[in-house]
Amino acid sequence: MNGASREALAAARERLDALTDSSSVDAGSLAAELAAVTALLDREVSLRRVLTDPAQAGEAKAELAKRLLGGQVSGTAADLVAGLVRSRWSQSRDLVDALEQLADIADLTAAQKAGALDDVEDELFRFGRIVSSSTELRAALTDRKATASAKGELLGSLLGSRADAATVRLVTRLVTAPRGRSLEAGLESLSKLAAERRDRVVAVVTSAVPLSDPQKRRLGAALAKLYGRQMHLNLDVDPDVVGGIRVQVGDEVINGSLADRLEDAARRMAS
């Protein structure tokens, strides 16, 4: 998002945080309601355009949204949507993208309140690894001819009671309503949102063998010192990493593996 849309989303996230800080607001239920509104506006293009028309007064658009949603969602959800349509959006589709992100954040907040955010982060990461290692599974989950219910059943058999309820909801929404996103990009976006709930940066750590708990703590502390922020480690094991580790933080890669060092040495000799 750019310009006005970015500012509108930032303001909406602040309002969502203020709402979900209250113990009287069920963040999980709010997530489901926001997801339902996302689906509605994704389908109804003409309505979306009316609600984001810069020529219309913000208060008039807010009142229209409240009338349409009245009795369909809670007052909290309706007020949040009304606040969104009062804002200016660079593109009408940005409003739907913002609603989708708010629904995801609300589900992650519910997990955080339940003390399950770490589990959700890890489950999202592991599910992404499973998908990337199975072309058949990825094909089944991204098949445009398959119905949403069929994909939901498949996810239920894969995750079911093995994953936190928030993880199941997040992944199910992503798979059944990708809205143009690839499965990998969607999972990465969810992982980043989960990390942001604790103001943490995600570091993907690949090692030849599993790291011990003391090694994890030392690595986490070293990375936190390097980046000036708390780190969440997503751990992966790859036997091809001959020795040491490989760490990726965002687009930055820290190559500490023996295999990488050997490749660097070979390239220098060849040149």
C-alpha atoms as a PDB file:
ATOM      1  CA  MET A   1       0.000   0.000   0.000  1.00  0.00           C
ATOM      2  CA  ASN A   2       1.085   3.564  -0.662  1.00  0.00           C
ATOM      3  CA  GLY A   3       0.202   7.055   0.497  1.00  0.00           C
ATOM      4  CA  ALA A   4      -3.290   7.433   1.898  1.00  0.00           C
ATOM      5  CA  SER A   5      -3.921   3.686   2.101  1.00  0.00           C
ATOM      6  CA  ARG A   6      -0.823   3.096   4.199  1.00  0.00           C
ATOM      7  CA  GLU A   7      -1.846   5.839   6.632  1.00  0.00           C
ATOM      8  CA  ALA A   8      -5.413   4.514   6.801  1.00  0.00           C
ATOM      9  CA  LEU A   9      -4.212   0.989   7.566  1.00  0.00           C
ATOM     10  CA  ALA A  10      -1.833   2.221  10.280  1.00  0.00           C
ATOM     11  CA  ALA A  11      -4.680   4.137  11.949  1.00  0.00           C
ATOM     12  CA  ALA A  12      -6.972   1.102  11.703  1.00  0.00           C
ATOM     13  CA  ARG A  13      -4.369  -1.149  13.305  1.00  0.00           C
ATOM     14  CA  GLU A  14      -4.082   1.280  16.210  1.00  0.00           C
ATOM     15  CA  ARG A  15      -7.864   1.224  16.664  1.00  0.00           C
ATOM     16  CA  LEU A  16      -7.870  -2.569  16.531  1.00  0.00           C
ATOM     17  CA  ASP A  17      -5.143  -2.783  19.165  1.00  0.00           C
ATOM     18  CA  ALA A  18      -7.073  -0.410  21.417  1.00  0.00           C
ATOM     19  CA  LEU A  19     -10.222  -2.507  21.028  1.00  0.00           C
ATOM     20  CA  THR A  20      -8.594  -5.868  21.613  1.00  0.00           C
ATOM     21  CA  ASP A  21      -6.727  -4.570  24.657  1.00  0.00           C
ATOM     22  CA  SER A  22     -10.120  -4.589  26.348  1.00  0.00           C
ATOM     23  CA  SER A  23     -11.004  -7.845  28.076  1.00  0.00           C
ATOM     24  CA  SER A  24     -14.620  -7.367  26.963  1.00  0.00           C
ATOM     25  CA  VAL A  25     -13.735  -7.845  23.277  1.00  0.00           C
ATOM     26  CA  ASP A  26     -13.426 -11.397  21.969  1.00  0.00           C
ATOM     27  CA  ALA A  27     -10.590 -11.038  19.455  1.00  0.00           C
ATOM     28  CA  GLY A  28     -11.330 -14.408  17.854  1.00  0.00           C
ATOM     29  CA  SER A  29     -14.966 -13.551  17.190  1.00  0.00           C
ATOM     30  CA  LEU A  30     -13.960 -10.128  15.902  1.00  0.00           C
ATOM     31  CA  ALA A  31     -11.542 -11.813  13.492  1.00  0.00           C
ATOM     32  CA  ALA A  32     -14.332 -13.975  12.092  1.00  0.00           C
ATOM     33  CA  GLU A  33     -16.583 -10.950  11.605  1.00  0.00           C
ATOM     34  CA  LEU A  34     -13.859  -8.947   9.858  1.00  0.00           C
ATOM     35  CA  ALA A  35     -13.128 -11.930   7.629  1.00  0.00           C
ATOM     36  CA  ALA A  36     -16.823 -12.103   6.674  1.00  0.00           C
ATOM     37  CA  VAL A  37     -16.835  -8.403   5.746  1.00  0.00           C
ATOM     38  CA  THR A  38     -13.637  -8.968   3.750  1.00  0.00           C
ATOM     39  CA  ALA A  39     -15.370 -11.700   1.737  1.00  0.00           C
ATOM     40  CA  LEU A  40     -18.420  -9.479   1.193  1.00  0.00           C
ATOM     41  CA  LEU A  41     -16.451  -6.519  -0.152  1.00  0.00           C
ATOM     42  CA  ASP A  42     -14.214  -8.790  -2.212  1.00  0.00           C
ATOM     43  CA  ARG A  43     -17.347 -10.080  -3.996  1.00  0.00           C
ATOM     44  CA  GLU A  44     -19.267  -6.817  -4.228  1.00  0.00           C
ATOM     45  CA  VAL A  45     -17.000  -4.619  -6.316  1.00  0.00           C
ATOM     46  CA  SER A  46     -19.583  -1.856  -6.796  1.00  0.00           C
ATOM     47  CA  LEU A  47     -20.175  -1.595  -3.041  1.00  0.00           C
ATOM     48  CA  ARG A  48     -16.460  -1.467  -2.417  1.00  0.00           C
ATOM     49  CA  ARG A  49     -16.119   1.400  -4.862  1.00  0.00           C
ATOM     50  CA  VAL A  50     -18.917   3.334  -3.206  1.00  0.00           C
ATOM     51  CA  LEU A  51     -17.321   2.903   0.227  1.00  0.00           C
ATOM     52  CA  THR A  52     -13.960   4.153  -1.029  1.00  0.00           C
ATOM     53  CA  ASP A  53     -15.218   6.923  -3.331  1.00  0.00           C
ATOM     54  CA  PRO A  54     -13.150  10.030  -2.439  1.00  0.00           C
ATOM     55  CA  ALA A  55     -15.942  12.259  -3.767  1.00  0.00           C
ATOM     56  CA  GLN A  56     -18.298  11.047  -1.006  1.00  0.00           C
ATOM     57  CA  ALA A  57     -18.204  12.380   2.545  1.00  0.00           C
ATOM     58  CA  GLY A  58     -16.515  10.050   4.999  1.00  0.00           C
ATOM     59  CA  GLU A  59     -19.367  10.206   7.501  1.00  0.00           C
ATOM     60  CA  ALA A  60     -21.912   9.321   4.819  1.00  0.00           C
ATOM     61  CA  LYS A  61     -19.885   6.266   3.842  1.00  0.00           C
ATOM     62  CA  ALA A  62     -19.544   5.272   7.482  1.00  0.00           C
ATOM     63  CA  GLU A  63     -23.311   5.480   7.997  1.00  0.00           C
ATOM     64  CA  LEU A  64     -23.891   3.377   4.886  1.00  0.00           C
ATOM     65  CA  ALA A  65     -21.501   0.709   6.171  1.00  0.00           C
ATOM     66  CA  LYS A  66     -23.256   0.627   9.546  1.00  0.00           C
ATOM     67  CA  ARG A  67     -26.673   0.261   7.919  1.00  0.00           C
ATOM     68  CA  LEU A  68     -25.464  -2.587   5.719  1.00  0.00           C
ATOM     69  CA  LEU A  69     -23.751  -4.424   8.560  1.00  0.00           C
ATOM     70  CA  GLY A  70     -26.300  -3.719  11.269  1.00  0.00           C
ATOM     71  CA  GLY A  71     -27.482  -6.974  12.788  1.00  0.00           C
ATOM     72  CA  GLN A  72     -24.936  -8.939  10.749  1.00  0.00           C
ATOM     73  CA  VAL A  73     -21.882  -8.257  12.894  1.00  0.00           C
ATOM     74  CA  SER A  74     -21.228  -6.902  16.373  1.00  0.00           C
ATOM     75  CA  GLY A  75     -21.246  -3.196  17.086  1.00  0.00           C
ATOM     76  CA  THR A  76     -17.486  -3.368  17.638  1.00  0.00           C
ATOM     77  CA  ALA A  77     -16.884  -4.810  14.167  1.00  0.00           C
ATOM     78  CA  ALA A  78     -19.321  -2.363  12.544  1.00  0.00           C
ATOM     79  CA  ASP A  79     -17.603   0.603  14.233  1.00  0.00           C
ATOM     80  CA  LEU A  80     -14.202  -0.621  13.102  1.00  0.00           C
ATOM     81  CA  VAL A  81     -15.395  -0.965   9.497  1.00  0.00           C
ATOM     82  CA  ALA A  82     -17.035   2.454   9.690  1.00  0.00           C
ATOM     83  CA  GLY A  83     -13.714   3.927  10.749  1.00  0.00           C
ATOM     84  CA  LEU A  84     -12.037   2.280   7.783  1.00  0.00           C
ATOM     85  CA  VAL A  85     -14.435   3.702   5.217  1.00  0.00           C
ATOM     86  CA  ARG A  86     -14.140   7.194   6.709  1.00  0.00           C
ATOM     87  CA  SER A  87     -10.484   7.106   5.685  1.00  0.00           C
ATOM     88  CA  ARG A  88      -9.140   7.797   2.217  1.00  0.00           C
ATOM     89  CA  TRP A  89      -7.804   4.898   0.134  1.00  0.00           C
ATOM     90  CA  SER A  90      -5.472   5.054  -2.835  1.00  0.00           C
ATOM     91  CA  GLN A  91      -7.286   2.119  -4.440  1.00  0.00           C
ATOM     92  CA  SER A  92     -10.638   0.539  -3.578  1.00  0.00           C
ATOM     93  CA  ARG A  93      -8.996  -2.886  -3.291  1.00  0.00           C
ATOM     94  CA  ASP A  94      -6.748  -1.555  -0.519  1.00  0.00           C
ATOM     95  CA  LEU A  95      -9.766  -1.406   1.790  1.00  0.00           C
ATOM     96  CA  VAL A  96     -10.316  -5.154   1.392  1.00  0.00           C
ATOM     97  CA  ASP A  97      -6.620  -5.888   1.863  1.00  0.00           C
ATOM     98  CA  ALA A  98      -6.706  -3.847   5.068  1.00  0.00           C
ATOM     99  CA  LEU A  99      -9.756  -5.691   6.384  1.00  0.00           C
ATOM    100  CA  GLU A 100      -8.110  -9.015   5.637  1.00  0.00           C
ATOM    101  CA  GLN A 101      -4.991  -7.985   7.535  1.00  0.00           C
ATOM    102  CA  LEU A 102      -7.023  -6.763  10.500  1.00  0.00           C
ATOM    103  CA  ALA A 103      -8.841 -10.111  10.641  1.00  0.00           C
ATOM    104  CA  ASP A 104      -5.498 -11.917  10.711  1.00  0.00           C
ATOM    105  CA  ILE A 105      -4.140  -9.611  13.410  1.00  0.00           C
ATOM    106  CA  ALA A 106      -7.269 -10.140  15.508  1.00  0.00           C
ATOM    107  CA  ASP A 107      -6.817 -13.916  15.323  1.00  0.00           C
ATOM    108  CA  LEU A 108      -3.148 -13.587  16.276  1.00  0.00           C
ATOM    109  CA  THR A 109      -4.141 -11.331  19.162  1.00  0.00           C
ATOM    110  CA  ALA A 110      -6.576 -14.000  20.350  1.00  0.00           C
ATOM    111  CA  ALA A 111      -3.728 -16.514  20.281  1.00  0.00           C
ATOM    112  CA  GLN A 112      -1.489 -14.094  22.175  1.00  0.00           C
ATOM    113  CA  LYS A 113      -4.114 -13.576  24.881  1.00  0.00           C
ATOM    114  CA  ALA A 114      -4.406 -17.353  25.227  1.00  0.00           C
ATOM    115  CA  GLY A 115      -0.639 -17.700  25.560  1.00  0.00           C
ATOM    116  CA  ALA A 116      -0.463 -19.626  22.270  1.00  0.00           C
ATOM    117  CA  LEU A 117       1.213 -17.112  19.965  1.00  0.00           C
ATOM    118  CA  ASP A 118       4.551 -18.927  19.982  1.00  0.00           C
ATOM    119  CA  ASP A 119       2.787 -22.150  19.014  1.00  0.00           C
ATOM    120  CA  VAL A 120       0.955 -20.409  16.176  1.00  0.00           C
ATOM    121  CA  GLU A 121       4.186 -18.903  14.845  1.00  0.00           C
ATOM    122  CA  ASP A 122       5.893 -22.279  14.863  1.00  0.00           C
ATOM    123  CA  GLU A 123       2.900 -24.042  13.312  1.00  0.00           C
ATOM    124  CA  LEU A 124       2.713 -21.535  10.462  1.00  0.00           C
ATOM    125  CA  PHE A 125       6.404 -22.039   9.791  1.00  0.00           C
ATOM    126  CA  ARG A 126       6.194 -25.825   9.899  1.00  0.00           C
ATOM    127  CA  PHE A 127       3.131 -25.865   7.669  1.00  0.00           C
ATOM    128  CA  GLY A 128       4.998 -23.744   5.133  1.00  0.00           C
ATOM    129  CA  ARG A 129       7.861 -26.243   5.160  1.00  0.00           C
ATOM    130  CA  ILE A 130       5.452 -29.129   4.657  1.00  0.00           C
ATOM    131  CA  VAL A 131       3.831 -27.406   1.688  1.00  0.00           C
ATOM    132  CA  SER A 132       7.156 -26.528   0.081  1.00  0.00           C
ATOM    133  CA  SER A 133       8.323 -30.144   0.360  1.00  0.00           C
ATOM    134  CA  SER A 134       5.183 -31.671  -1.207  1.00  0.00           C
ATOM    135  CA  THR A 135       4.225 -30.653  -4.740  1.00  0.00           C
ATOM    136  CA  GLU A 136       1.098 -32.822  -4.545  1.00  0.00           C
ATOM    137  CA  LEU A 137      -0.136 -31.125  -1.383  1.00  0.00           C
ATOM    138  CA  ARG A 138       0.564 -27.665  -2.773  1.00  0.00           C
ATOM    139  CA  ALA A 139      -1.284 -28.551  -5.967  1.00  0.00           C
ATOM    140  CA  ALA A 140      -4.298 -29.778  -3.998  1.00  0.00           C
ATOM    141  CA  LEU A 141      -4.423 -26.658  -1.827  1.00  0.00           C
ATOM    142  CA  THR A 142      -4.064 -24.255  -4.759  1.00  0.00           C
ATOM    143  CA  ASP A 143      -6.290 -26.097  -7.259  1.00  0.00           C
ATOM    144  CA  ARG A 144      -8.712 -23.504  -8.615  1.00  0.00           C
ATOM    145  CA  LYS A 145     -11.196 -26.210  -9.578  1.00  0.00           C
ATOM    146  CA  ALA A 146     -11.421 -27.562  -6.023  1.00  0.00           C
ATOM    147  CA  THR A 147     -14.182 -26.145  -3.838  1.00  0.00           C
ATOM    148  CA  ALA A 148     -13.499 -24.191  -0.656  1.00  0.00           C
ATOM    149  CA  SER A 149     -15.224 -26.908   1.371  1.00  0.00           C
ATOM    150  CA  ALA A 150     -12.998 -29.607  -0.141  1.00  0.00           C
ATOM    151  CA  LYS A 151      -9.892 -27.614   0.696  1.00  0.00           C
ATOM    152  CA  GLY A 152     -11.219 -26.992   4.185  1.00  0.00           C
ATOM    153  CA  GLU A 153     -11.723 -30.699   4.730  1.00  0.00           C
ATOM    154  CA  LEU A 154      -8.198 -31.415   3.534  1.00  0.00           C
ATOM    155  CA  LEU A 155      -6.789 -28.841   5.951  1.00  0.00           C
ATOM    156  CA  GLY A 156      -8.889 -30.292   8.734  1.00  0.00           C
ATOM    157  CA  SER A 157      -7.344 -33.702   8.145  1.00  0.00           C
ATOM    158  CA  LEU A 158      -3.850 -32.187   8.048  1.00  0.00           C
ATOM    159  CA  LEU A 159      -4.109 -29.809  10.998  1.00  0.00           C
ATOM    160  CA  GLY A 160      -7.211 -30.740  12.968  1.00  0.00           C
ATOM    161  CA  SER A 161      -6.377 -31.116  16.650  1.00  0.00           C
ATOM    162  CA  ARG A 162      -2.646 -31.001  15.868  1.00  0.00           C
ATOM    163  CA  ALA A 163      -2.590 -27.202  15.574  1.00  0.00           C
ATOM    164  CA  ASP A 164      -3.924 -24.281  17.551  1.00  0.00           C
ATOM    165  CA  ALA A 165      -7.414 -23.112  16.549  1.00  0.00           C
ATOM    166  CA  ALA A 166      -6.020 -19.741  15.440  1.00  0.00           C
ATOM    167  CA  THR A 167      -3.548 -21.468  13.126  1.00  0.00           C
ATOM    168  CA  VAL A 168      -6.336 -23.511  11.579  1.00  0.00           C
ATOM    169  CA  ARG A 169      -8.473 -20.392  10.998  1.00  0.00           C
ATOM    170  CA  LEU A 170      -5.609 -18.388   9.503  1.00  0.00           C
ATOM    171  CA  VAL A 171      -4.466 -21.134   7.142  1.00  0.00           C
ATOM    172  CA  THR A 172      -8.019 -22.045   6.138  1.00  0.00           C
ATOM    173  CA  ARG A 173      -8.816 -18.447   5.172  1.00  0.00           C
ATOM    174  CA  LEU A 174      -5.604 -18.189   3.207  1.00  0.00           C
ATOM    175  CA  VAL A 175      -6.199 -21.419   1.297  1.00  0.00           C
ATOM    176  CA  THR A 176      -9.921 -21.011   0.645  1.00  0.00           C
ATOM    177  CA  ALA A 177      -9.769 -17.281  -0.186  1.00  0.00           C
ATOM    178  CA  PRO A 178      -6.227 -16.490  -1.403  1.00  0.00           C
ATOM    179  CA  ARG A 179      -7.342 -13.310  -3.215  1.00  0.00           C
ATOM    180  CA  GLY A 180      -4.538 -13.500  -5.754  1.00  0.00           C
ATOM    181  CA  ARG A 181      -1.762 -14.350  -3.312  1.00  0.00           C
ATOM    182  CA  SER A 182       0.451 -17.386  -3.647  1.00  0.00           C
ATOM    183  CA  LEU A 183       0.273 -19.827  -0.756  1.00  0.00           C
ATOM    184  CA  GLU A 184       3.929 -19.194   0.096  1.00  0.00           C
ATOM    185  CA  ALA A 185       3.527 -15.407   0.094  1.00  0.00           C
ATOM    186  CA  GLY A 186       0.432 -15.661   2.257  1.00  0.00           C
ATOM    187  CA  LEU A 187       2.137 -17.870   4.836  1.00  0.00           C
ATOM    188  CA  GLU A 188       5.144 -15.551   4.926  1.00  0.00           C
ATOM    189  CA  SER A 189       2.859 -12.568   5.493  1.00  0.00           C
ATOM    190  CA  LEU A 190       1.100 -14.360   8.358  1.00  0.00           C
ATOM    191  CA  SER A 191       4.434 -15.253   9.944  1.00  0.00           C
ATOM    192  CA  LYS A 192       5.543 -11.625   9.811  1.00  0.00           C
ATOM    193  CA  LEU A 193       2.297 -10.440  11.376  1.00  0.00           C
ATOM    194  CA  ALA A 194       2.704 -13.014  14.137  1.00  0.00           C
ATOM    195  CA  ALA A 195       6.230 -11.801  14.842  1.00  0.00           C
ATOM    196  CA  GLU A 196       5.068  -8.188  14.968  1.00  0.00           C
ATOM    197  CA  ARG A 197       2.671  -9.019  17.792  1.00  0.00           C
ATOM    198  CA  ARG A 198       5.687  -9.146  20.069  1.00  0.00           C
ATOM    199  CA  ASP A 199       7.726  -6.642  18.074  1.00  0.00           C
ATOM    200  CA  ARG A 200       9.997  -9.442  17.038  1.00  0.00           C
ATOM    201  CA  VAL A 201      11.933 -10.136  13.885  1.00  0.00           C
ATOM    202  CA  VAL A 202      11.786 -13.622  12.367  1.00  0.00           C
ATOM    203  CA  ALA A 203      15.105 -15.333  11.703  1.00  0.00           C
ATOM    204  CA  VAL A 204      15.041 -18.534   9.639  1.00  0.00           C
ATOM    205  CA  VAL A 205      17.902 -20.685  10.941  1.00  0.00           C
ATOM    206  CA  THR A 206      19.081 -23.684   8.933  1.00  0.00           C
ATOM    207  CA  SER A 207      21.543 -26.138  10.476  1.00  0.00           C
ATOM    208  CA  ALA A 208      22.845 -29.586   9.617  1.00  0.00           C
ATOM    209  CA  VAL A 209      21.616 -31.003  12.932  1.00  0.00           C
ATOM    210  CA  PRO A 210      19.049 -29.725  15.465  1.00  0.00           C
ATOM    211  CA  LEU A 211      20.369 -26.994  17.744  1.00  0.00           C
ATOM    212  CA  SER A 212      20.430 -27.577  21.479  1.00  0.00           C
ATOM    213  CA  ASP A 213      18.492 -25.280  23.807  1.00  0.00           C
ATOM    214  CA  PRO A 214      21.666 -23.470  24.974  1.00  0.00           C
ATOM    215  CA  GLN A 215      22.676 -22.950  21.324  1.00  0.00           C
ATOM    216  CA  LYS A 216      19.238 -21.520  20.537  1.00  0.00           C
ATOM    217  CA  ARG A 217      19.484 -19.114  23.465  1.00  0.00           C
ATOM    218  CA  ARG A 218      22.992 -17.969  22.524  1.00  0.00           C
ATOM    219  CA  LEU A 219      22.030 -17.494  18.878  1.00  0.00           C
ATOM    220  CA  GLY A 220      18.854 -15.611  19.791  1.00  0.00           C
ATOM    221  CA  ALA A 221      20.788 -13.314  22.116  1.00  0.00           C
ATOM    222  CA  ALA A 222      23.482 -12.669  19.496  1.00  0.00           C
ATOM    223  CA  LEU A 223      20.933 -11.834  16.804  1.00  0.00           C
ATOM    224  CA  ALA A 224      18.946  -9.621  19.176  1.00  0.00           C
ATOM    225  CA  LYS A 225      22.129  -7.683  19.928  1.00  0.00           C
ATOM    226  CA  LEU A 226      22.979  -7.444  16.230  1.00  0.00           C
ATOM    227  CA  TYR A 227      19.546  -6.197  15.128  1.00  0.00           C
ATOM    228  CA  GLY A 228      18.532  -4.346  18.280  1.00  0.00           C
ATOM    229  CA  ARG A 229      15.230  -6.223  18.525  1.00  0.00           C
ATOM    230  CA  GLN A 230      13.973  -9.448  20.039  1.00  0.00           C
ATOM    231  CA  MET A 231      14.217 -12.336  17.594  1.00  0.00           C
ATOM    232  CA  HIS A 232      11.957 -15.296  16.950  1.00  0.00           C
ATOM    233  CA  LEU A 233      13.884 -18.273  15.564  1.00  0.00           C
ATOM    234  CA  ASN A 234      12.262 -20.524  12.965  1.00  0.00           C
ATOM    235  CA  LEU A 235      14.471 -23.598  12.977  1.00  0.00           C
ATOM    236  CA  ASP A 236      15.016 -25.901  10.011  1.00  0.00           C
ATOM    237  CA  VAL A 237      17.358 -28.857   9.553  1.00  0.00           C
ATOM    238  CA  ASP A 238      19.145 -29.463   6.244  1.00  0.00           C
ATOM    239  CA  PRO A 239      21.853 -32.175   6.096  1.00  0.00           C
ATOM    240  CA  ASP A 240      23.433 -30.344   3.132  1.00  0.00           C
ATOM    241  CA  VAL A 241      24.621 -27.665   5.568  1.00  0.00           C
ATOM    242  CA  VAL A 242      27.917 -29.378   6.314  1.00  0.00           C
ATOM    243  CA  GLY A 243      28.787 -27.390   9.419  1.00  0.00           C
ATOM    244  CA  GLY A 244      27.725 -24.258  11.229  1.00  0.00           C
ATOM    245  CA  ILE A 245      24.446 -22.519  10.416  1.00  0.00           C
ATOM    246  CA  ARG A 246      22.746 -20.318   7.856  1.00  0.00           C
ATOM    247  CA  VAL A 247      20.576 -17.447   9.113  1.00  0.00           C
ATOM    248  CA  GLN A 248      18.141 -15.409   7.020  1.00  0.00           C
ATOM    249  CA  VAL A 249      16.499 -12.281   8.411  1.00  0.00           C
ATOM    250  CA  GLY A 250      14.192 -10.753   5.838  1.00  0.00           C
ATOM    251  CA  ASP A 251      16.229 -10.367   2.651  1.00  0.00           C
ATOM    252  CA  GLU A 252      19.545 -10.509   4.511  1.00  0.00           C
ATOM    253  CA  VAL A 253      21.431 -13.798   4.690  1.00  0.00           C
ATOM    254  CA  ILE A 254      24.175 -14.496   7.206  1.00  0.00           C
ATOM    255  CA  ASN A 255      26.199 -17.390   5.849  1.00  0.00           C
ATOM    256  CA  GLY A 256      27.927 -19.214   8.675  1.00  0.00           C
ATOM    257  CA  SER A 257      27.874 -22.700   7.204  1.00  0.00           C
ATOM    258  CA  LEU A 258      30.928 -24.674   6.175  1.00  0.00           C
ATOM    259  CA  ALA A 259      29.290 -25.492   2.842  1.00  0.00           C
ATOM    260  CA  ASP A 260      28.885 -21.796   2.048  1.00  0.00           C
ATOM    261  CA  ARG A 261      32.462 -21.067   3.039  1.00  0.00           C
ATOM    262  CA  LEU A 262      33.708 -23.891   0.786  1.00  0.00           C
ATOM    263  CA  GLU A 263      31.693 -22.520  -2.122  1.00  0.00           C
ATOM    264  CA  ASP A 264      33.102 -19.034  -1.525  1.00  0.00           C
ATOM    265  CA  ALA A 265      36.635 -20.422  -1.465  1.00  0.00           C
ATOM    266  CA  ALA A 266      36.040 -22.347  -4.706  1.00  0.00           C
ATOM    267  CA  ARG A 267      34.734 -19.224  -6.420  1.00  0.00           C
ATOM    268  CA  ARG A 268      37.763 -17.214  -5.314  1.00  0.00           C
ATOM    269  CA  MET A 269      40.132 -19.894  -6.622  1.00  0.00           C
ATOM    270  CA  ALA A 270      38.280 -20.059  -9.938  1.00  0.00           C
ATOM    271  CA  SER A 271      38.605 -16.297 -10.392  1.00  0.00           C
END
